[in-house]
């Protein structure tokens, strides 16, 4: 209800729009020198465990994506990333514990 009130749209519409943007960038590519954020499997970069699905800065071309390498991460951002990763790992481990993955 808070999202509908604040944005005038449901969270489902917001999620659908994000999915459309994601596929558009993936298929049509990103402009040279630009990148977008996409939820993709980690290759172990930026301290995110390999295989964990997480948002990363990526460039896209020819229907492929590549995680942007070497971005500097300040202390504030590192703390936020670490908190998000801990939550994702906890959720993944709970699902594993249920035998679903």
C-alpha atoms as a PDB file:
ATOM      1  CA  UNK A   1       0.000   0.000   0.000  1.00  0.00           C
ATOM      2  CA  UNK A   2       2.865   2.385   0.778  1.00  0.00           C
ATOM      3  CA  UNK A   3       4.344   1.895  -2.699  1.00  0.00           C
ATOM      4  CA  UNK A   4       1.002   2.499  -4.393  1.00  0.00           C
ATOM      5  CA  UNK A   5       0.496   5.625  -2.312  1.00  0.00           C
ATOM      6  CA  UNK A   6       4.005   6.976  -2.913  1.00  0.00           C
ATOM      7  CA  UNK A   7       4.339   6.112  -6.604  1.00  0.00           C
ATOM      8  CA  UNK A   8       0.755   5.847  -7.724  1.00  0.00           C
ATOM      9  CA  UNK A   9       1.482   2.327  -8.990  1.00  0.00           C
ATOM     10  CA  UNK A  10       1.632  -1.140  -7.516  1.00  0.00           C
ATOM     11  CA  UNK A  11       4.882  -2.899  -6.719  1.00  0.00           C
ATOM     12  CA  UNK A  12       3.932  -5.481  -9.375  1.00  0.00           C
ATOM     13  CA  UNK A  13       3.921  -2.763 -12.038  1.00  0.00           C
ATOM     14  CA  UNK A  14       7.258  -1.485 -10.749  1.00  0.00           C
ATOM     15  CA  UNK A  15       8.763  -4.979 -10.865  1.00  0.00           C
ATOM     16  CA  UNK A  16       7.400  -5.539 -14.370  1.00  0.00           C
ATOM     17  CA  UNK A  17       8.905  -2.259 -15.564  1.00  0.00           C
ATOM     18  CA  UNK A  18      12.267  -3.190 -14.034  1.00  0.00           C
ATOM     19  CA  UNK A  19      12.150  -6.552 -15.846  1.00  0.00           C
ATOM     20  CA  UNK A  20      11.418  -4.798 -19.141  1.00  0.00           C
ATOM     21  CA  UNK A  21      14.319  -2.374 -18.607  1.00  0.00           C
ATOM     22  CA  UNK A  22      16.611  -5.292 -17.690  1.00  0.00           C
ATOM     23  CA  UNK A  23      15.833  -7.263 -20.850  1.00  0.00           C
ATOM     24  CA  UNK A  24      16.003  -4.129 -23.019  1.00  0.00           C
ATOM     25  CA  UNK A  25      19.506  -3.279 -21.794  1.00  0.00           C
ATOM     26  CA  UNK A  26      20.624  -6.902 -22.057  1.00  0.00           C
ATOM     27  CA  UNK A  27      19.372  -7.314 -25.636  1.00  0.00           C
ATOM     28  CA  UNK A  28      20.109  -3.869 -27.086  1.00  0.00           C
ATOM     29  CA  UNK A  29      23.312  -3.251 -25.142  1.00  0.00           C
ATOM     30  CA  UNK A  30      24.581  -0.368 -23.066  1.00  0.00           C
ATOM     31  CA  UNK A  31      26.085   2.775 -24.589  1.00  0.00           C
ATOM     32  CA  UNK A  32      29.893   2.849 -24.765  1.00  0.00           C
ATOM     33  CA  UNK A  33      31.331   4.018 -21.458  1.00  0.00           C
ATOM     34  CA  UNK A  34      28.043   3.430 -19.606  1.00  0.00           C
ATOM     35  CA  UNK A  35      26.821   0.611 -17.392  1.00  0.00           C
ATOM     36  CA  UNK A  36      23.607  -0.474 -15.684  1.00  0.00           C
ATOM     37  CA  UNK A  37      22.815  -2.531 -12.608  1.00  0.00           C
ATOM     38  CA  UNK A  38      21.562  -6.080 -13.183  1.00  0.00           C
ATOM     39  CA  UNK A  39      20.879  -9.057 -10.987  1.00  0.00           C
ATOM     40  CA  UNK A  40      23.363 -11.683 -12.208  1.00  0.00           C
ATOM     41  CA  UNK A  41      25.327 -14.592 -10.683  1.00  0.00           C
ATOM     42  CA  UNK A  42      28.502 -13.462  -8.930  1.00  0.00           C
ATOM     43  CA  UNK A  43      31.865 -14.569 -10.229  1.00  0.00           C
ATOM     44  CA  UNK A  44      33.349 -13.799  -6.799  1.00  0.00           C
ATOM     45  CA  UNK A  45      34.053 -10.127  -7.488  1.00  0.00           C
ATOM     46  CA  UNK A  46      33.520  -7.307  -4.973  1.00  0.00           C
ATOM     47  CA  UNK A  47      33.476  -9.773  -2.062  1.00  0.00           C
ATOM     48  CA  UNK A  48      30.238 -11.445  -3.168  1.00  0.00           C
ATOM     49  CA  UNK A  49      30.393 -15.268  -2.970  1.00  0.00           C
ATOM     50  CA  UNK A  50      30.603 -16.993  -6.339  1.00  0.00           C
ATOM     51  CA  UNK A  51      27.218 -18.062  -7.698  1.00  0.00           C
ATOM     52  CA  UNK A  52      25.170 -15.753  -5.463  1.00  0.00           C
ATOM     53  CA  UNK A  53      22.605 -13.781  -7.469  1.00  0.00           C
ATOM     54  CA  UNK A  54      23.208 -10.125  -6.725  1.00  0.00           C
ATOM     55  CA  UNK A  55      22.984  -6.706  -8.359  1.00  0.00           C
ATOM     56  CA  UNK A  56      26.183  -5.730 -10.163  1.00  0.00           C
ATOM     57  CA  UNK A  57      27.287  -2.963 -12.483  1.00  0.00           C
ATOM     58  CA  UNK A  58      27.365  -4.503 -15.962  1.00  0.00           C
ATOM     59  CA  UNK A  59      27.932  -3.564 -19.564  1.00  0.00           C
ATOM     60  CA  UNK A  60      25.920  -5.350 -22.236  1.00  0.00           C
ATOM     61  CA  UNK A  61      26.656  -6.089 -25.889  1.00  0.00           C
ATOM     62  CA  UNK A  62      25.383  -8.670 -28.370  1.00  0.00           C
ATOM     63  CA  UNK A  63      23.025 -10.230 -25.816  1.00  0.00           C
ATOM     64  CA  UNK A  64      25.811 -10.805 -23.294  1.00  0.00           C
ATOM     65  CA  UNK A  65      26.709  -9.011 -20.084  1.00  0.00           C
ATOM     66  CA  UNK A  66      30.025  -8.416 -18.368  1.00  0.00           C
ATOM     67  CA  UNK A  67      30.446  -7.318 -14.754  1.00  0.00           C
ATOM     68  CA  UNK A  68      32.311  -4.006 -14.549  1.00  0.00           C
ATOM     69  CA  UNK A  69      35.685  -4.584 -12.896  1.00  0.00           C
ATOM     70  CA  UNK A  70      37.694  -2.354 -10.579  1.00  0.00           C
ATOM     71  CA  UNK A  71      35.146   0.112  -9.228  1.00  0.00           C
ATOM     72  CA  UNK A  72      36.272   1.719  -5.979  1.00  0.00           C
ATOM     73  CA  UNK A  73      33.966   1.042  -3.050  1.00  0.00           C
ATOM     74  CA  UNK A  74      33.939   3.492  -0.149  1.00  0.00           C
ATOM     75  CA  UNK A  75      33.393   2.405   3.469  1.00  0.00           C
ATOM     76  CA  UNK A  76      29.698   3.342   3.489  1.00  0.00           C
ATOM     77  CA  UNK A  77      28.990   1.373   0.311  1.00  0.00           C
ATOM     78  CA  UNK A  78      31.086  -1.585   1.517  1.00  0.00           C
ATOM     79  CA  UNK A  79      28.999  -1.784   4.699  1.00  0.00           C
ATOM     80  CA  UNK A  80      25.741  -1.711   2.705  1.00  0.00           C
ATOM     81  CA  UNK A  81      27.005  -4.330   0.240  1.00  0.00           C
ATOM     82  CA  UNK A  82      28.173  -6.583   3.079  1.00  0.00           C
ATOM     83  CA  UNK A  83      24.787  -6.289   4.823  1.00  0.00           C
ATOM     84  CA  UNK A  84      22.926  -7.152   1.607  1.00  0.00           C
ATOM     85  CA  UNK A  85      25.229 -10.086   0.883  1.00  0.00           C
ATOM     86  CA  UNK A  86      24.787 -11.435   4.426  1.00  0.00           C
ATOM     87  CA  UNK A  87      21.005 -11.293   3.998  1.00  0.00           C
ATOM     88  CA  UNK A  88      21.152 -13.000   0.585  1.00  0.00           C
ATOM     89  CA  UNK A  89      23.466 -15.737   1.915  1.00  0.00           C
ATOM     90  CA  UNK A  90      21.138 -16.311   4.873  1.00  0.00           C
ATOM     91  CA  UNK A  91      18.116 -16.601   2.576  1.00  0.00           C
ATOM     92  CA  UNK A  92      19.979 -18.926   0.197  1.00  0.00           C
ATOM     93  CA  UNK A  93      21.037 -21.134   3.107  1.00  0.00           C
ATOM     94  CA  UNK A  94      17.453 -21.312   4.421  1.00  0.00           C
ATOM     95  CA  UNK A  95      16.216 -22.434   1.007  1.00  0.00           C
ATOM     96  CA  UNK A  96      19.029 -25.001   0.830  1.00  0.00           C
ATOM     97  CA  UNK A  97      18.003 -26.244   4.260  1.00  0.00           C
ATOM     98  CA  UNK A  98      14.529 -26.921   2.884  1.00  0.00           C
ATOM     99  CA  UNK A  99      16.081 -28.984   0.105  1.00  0.00           C
ATOM    100  CA  UNK A 100      14.787 -26.677  -2.613  1.00  0.00           C
ATOM    101  CA  UNK A 101      18.213 -25.988  -4.124  1.00  0.00           C
END
